[in-house]
Amino acid sequence: MEGDFMTEYLEIEDEEIIYHVYNLNWLLPENIQQRSMETLNQLSPDKVDLVIPKYNQNCWHNAVSVL
């Protein structure tokens, strides 16, 4: 049927998600931030709570962009 499609989500471990969240830090090079944002944008909706950084304020702006 036209228009029907399955969204493909990236399946990665929680630890790798947290690694990418910390790479959202605005003090890191732009290409590292961008790569992590692209990865996190592919997460399943049931994993997005892991995108909210709990300790590092330098990650908040990019995390909001992902969400």
C-alpha atoms as a PDB file:
ATOM      1  CA  MET A   1       0.000   0.000   0.000  1.00  0.00           C
ATOM      2  CA  GLU A   2       1.411   3.406  -0.939  1.00  0.00           C
ATOM      3  CA  GLY A   3       2.419   5.698   1.910  1.00  0.00           C
ATOM      4  CA  ASP A   4       2.765   2.839   4.385  1.00  0.00           C
ATOM      5  CA  PHE A   5       6.241   2.514   5.803  1.00  0.00           C
ATOM      6  CA  MET A   6       7.937   1.275   8.913  1.00  0.00           C
ATOM      7  CA  THR A   7      10.183   3.690  10.684  1.00  0.00           C
ATOM      8  CA  GLU A   8      13.604   2.149  11.095  1.00  0.00           C
ATOM      9  CA  TYR A   9      15.032   2.901  14.523  1.00  0.00           C
ATOM     10  CA  LEU A  10      18.631   2.460  15.485  1.00  0.00           C
ATOM     11  CA  GLU A  11      19.053  -0.266  18.093  1.00  0.00           C
ATOM     12  CA  ILE A  12      22.002   0.560  20.349  1.00  0.00           C
ATOM     13  CA  GLU A  13      22.846  -0.220  23.953  1.00  0.00           C
ATOM     14  CA  ASP A  14      22.062   2.288  26.696  1.00  0.00           C
ATOM     15  CA  GLU A  15      25.764   2.803  27.405  1.00  0.00           C
ATOM     16  CA  GLU A  16      26.357   3.874  23.800  1.00  0.00           C
ATOM     17  CA  ILE A  17      23.413   6.270  23.984  1.00  0.00           C
ATOM     18  CA  ILE A  18      24.926   7.873  27.078  1.00  0.00           C
ATOM     19  CA  TYR A  19      28.273   8.122  25.265  1.00  0.00           C
ATOM     20  CA  HIS A  20      26.573  10.017  22.434  1.00  0.00           C
ATOM     21  CA  VAL A  21      24.726  12.264  24.896  1.00  0.00           C
ATOM     22  CA  TYR A  22      28.026  13.336  26.417  1.00  0.00           C
ATOM     23  CA  ASN A  23      29.330  13.992  22.910  1.00  0.00           C
ATOM     24  CA  LEU A  24      26.609  16.635  22.564  1.00  0.00           C
ATOM     25  CA  ASN A  25      28.785  18.857  24.736  1.00  0.00           C
ATOM     26  CA  TRP A  26      29.084  22.247  23.024  1.00  0.00           C
ATOM     27  CA  LEU A  27      32.760  22.420  24.048  1.00  0.00           C
ATOM     28  CA  LEU A  28      33.598  19.480  21.758  1.00  0.00           C
ATOM     29  CA  PRO A  29      34.343  19.896  18.040  1.00  0.00           C
ATOM     30  CA  GLU A  30      31.242  20.533  15.929  1.00  0.00           C
ATOM     31  CA  ASN A  31      31.666  17.330  13.877  1.00  0.00           C
ATOM     32  CA  ILE A  32      31.563  15.171  17.038  1.00  0.00           C
ATOM     33  CA  GLN A  33      28.416  16.932  18.249  1.00  0.00           C
ATOM     34  CA  GLN A  34      26.781  16.580  14.828  1.00  0.00           C
ATOM     35  CA  ARG A  35      27.570  12.866  14.520  1.00  0.00           C
ATOM     36  CA  SER A  36      26.076  12.185  17.933  1.00  0.00           C
ATOM     37  CA  MET A  37      22.977  14.223  17.125  1.00  0.00           C
ATOM     38  CA  GLU A  38      22.481  12.233  13.920  1.00  0.00           C
ATOM     39  CA  THR A  39      22.810   8.958  15.824  1.00  0.00           C
ATOM     40  CA  LEU A  40      20.476  10.005  18.628  1.00  0.00           C
ATOM     41  CA  ASN A  41      17.858  11.227  16.149  1.00  0.00           C
ATOM     42  CA  GLN A  42      17.440   7.608  15.049  1.00  0.00           C
ATOM     43  CA  LEU A  43      16.554   6.223  18.481  1.00  0.00           C
ATOM     44  CA  SER A  44      13.347   4.426  19.215  1.00  0.00           C
ATOM     45  CA  PRO A  45      10.857   6.605  21.142  1.00  0.00           C
ATOM     46  CA  ASP A  46      11.139   4.303  24.157  1.00  0.00           C
ATOM     47  CA  LYS A  47      14.832   5.243  24.514  1.00  0.00           C
ATOM     48  CA  VAL A  48      14.585   9.047  24.243  1.00  0.00           C
ATOM     49  CA  ASP A  49      14.515   9.482  28.016  1.00  0.00           C
ATOM     50  CA  LEU A  50      18.209   8.554  27.922  1.00  0.00           C
ATOM     51  CA  VAL A  51      18.907  11.595  25.740  1.00  0.00           C
ATOM     52  CA  ILE A  52      18.110  13.979  28.570  1.00  0.00           C
ATOM     53  CA  PRO A  53      21.499  14.770  30.117  1.00  0.00           C
ATOM     54  CA  LYS A  54      21.344  14.557  33.875  1.00  0.00           C
ATOM     55  CA  TYR A  55      24.718  15.947  34.880  1.00  0.00           C
ATOM     56  CA  ASN A  56      26.316  18.054  32.189  1.00  0.00           C
ATOM     57  CA  GLN A  57      24.719  21.409  31.349  1.00  0.00           C
ATOM     58  CA  ASN A  58      27.024  21.770  28.330  1.00  0.00           C
ATOM     59  CA  CYS A  59      24.960  19.048  26.617  1.00  0.00           C
ATOM     60  CA  TRP A  60      21.487  20.448  27.270  1.00  0.00           C
ATOM     61  CA  HIS A  61      21.099  22.660  24.190  1.00  0.00           C
ATOM     62  CA  ASN A  62      21.983  19.901  21.734  1.00  0.00           C
ATOM     63  CA  ALA A  63      19.901  17.343  23.648  1.00  0.00           C
ATOM     64  CA  VAL A  64      16.858  19.602  23.302  1.00  0.00           C
ATOM     65  CA  SER A  65      17.544  19.813  19.565  1.00  0.00           C
ATOM     66  CA  VAL A  66      17.543  16.009  19.355  1.00  0.00           C
ATOM     67  CA  LEU A  67      14.286  15.716  21.287  1.00  0.00           C
END
